[in-house]
Amino acid sequence: RSALTEDGRPLYFLEDRMGRLRCYLQLSDAIAAEKFVNRVVEVSGQALGYRSGLRADLVWATSIRPPE
């Protein structure tokens, strides 16, 4: 979980396997994200674009799950 927020919602971030930031996630209310923290996951959602304040892309996540 990130310390940052967007529109009053907490943001989460995705890292690649090397620990580099890939993007920030803004989650729908239906997602219980805490169980996925520090885990390998697949994310589905809509790219909202680059946010200069975050210095990264922002994605509206509609689904998070373990990889198949």
Protein backbone atom coordinates (compact mmCIF):
# COMPACT_ATOMS: atom_id res chain seq x y z
CA ARG A 1 0.00 0.00 0.00
CA SER A 2 1.22 3.45 -0.86
CA ALA A 3 1.06 6.51 1.38
CA LEU A 4 -0.36 8.43 -1.60
CA THR A 5 -4.00 9.06 -2.47
CA GLU A 6 -5.90 10.08 -5.60
CA ASP A 7 -9.36 11.66 -5.27
CA GLY A 8 -9.35 10.73 -1.58
CA ARG A 9 -8.79 7.02 -2.29
CA PRO A 10 -5.66 5.17 -1.14
CA LEU A 11 -3.31 4.01 -3.87
CA TYR A 12 -1.43 0.73 -4.15
CA PHE A 13 1.63 0.20 -6.31
CA LEU A 14 2.83 -2.62 -8.49
CA GLU A 15 6.49 -3.54 -8.67
CA ASP A 16 8.23 -5.72 -11.20
CA ARG A 17 10.38 -8.64 -10.10
CA MET A 18 13.36 -6.30 -9.72
CA GLY A 19 11.46 -4.08 -7.24
CA ARG A 20 10.94 -1.20 -9.70
CA LEU A 21 7.66 0.72 -9.72
CA ARG A 22 5.40 -0.32 -12.63
CA CYS A 23 2.29 1.74 -11.83
CA TYR A 24 -0.10 2.84 -9.11
CA LEU A 25 -3.49 1.20 -8.65
CA GLN A 26 -6.70 2.88 -7.63
CA LEU A 27 -9.07 0.13 -6.52
CA SER A 28 -12.79 -0.33 -6.86
CA ASP A 29 -14.59 -0.70 -3.52
CA ALA A 30 -15.26 -4.38 -4.25
CA ILE A 31 -11.57 -5.33 -4.02
CA ALA A 32 -10.12 -6.40 -0.67
CA ALA A 33 -6.53 -5.59 -1.58
CA GLU A 34 -4.76 -6.17 1.72
CA LYS A 35 -4.64 -9.93 1.16
CA PHE A 36 -2.66 -9.33 -2.06
CA VAL A 37 0.03 -7.07 -0.58
CA ASN A 38 3.55 -8.48 -1.17
CA ARG A 39 2.21 -11.19 -3.49
CA VAL A 40 2.50 -11.92 -7.21
CA VAL A 41 -0.83 -10.94 -8.78
CA GLU A 42 -2.65 -10.42 -12.07
CA VAL A 43 -4.51 -7.11 -12.38
CA SER A 44 -7.36 -6.23 -14.72
CA GLY A 45 -8.62 -2.72 -15.16
CA GLN A 46 -8.51 0.50 -17.11
CA ALA A 47 -5.39 2.60 -17.64
CA LEU A 48 -6.09 6.18 -16.52
CA GLY A 49 -2.79 7.47 -17.89
CA TYR A 50 0.37 9.08 -16.61
CA ARG A 51 0.07 11.25 -13.50
CA SER A 52 2.85 13.80 -13.18
CA GLY A 53 2.21 14.16 -9.45
CA LEU A 54 2.86 10.44 -9.02
CA ARG A 55 5.53 10.26 -11.72
CA ALA A 56 3.92 7.03 -12.89
CA ASP A 57 0.88 5.60 -14.65
CA LEU A 58 -2.36 5.17 -12.75
CA VAL A 59 -4.65 2.16 -13.33
CA TRP A 60 -8.26 1.76 -12.14
CA ALA A 61 -8.16 -1.87 -10.97
CA THR A 62 -11.40 -3.83 -11.25
CA SER A 63 -9.95 -7.27 -10.49
CA ILE A 64 -6.90 -8.61 -8.65
CA ARG A 65 -6.13 -12.32 -8.41
CA PRO A 66 -3.25 -14.74 -8.01
CA PRO A 67 -1.71 -15.87 -11.31
CA GLU A 68 -2.99 -19.05 -12.91
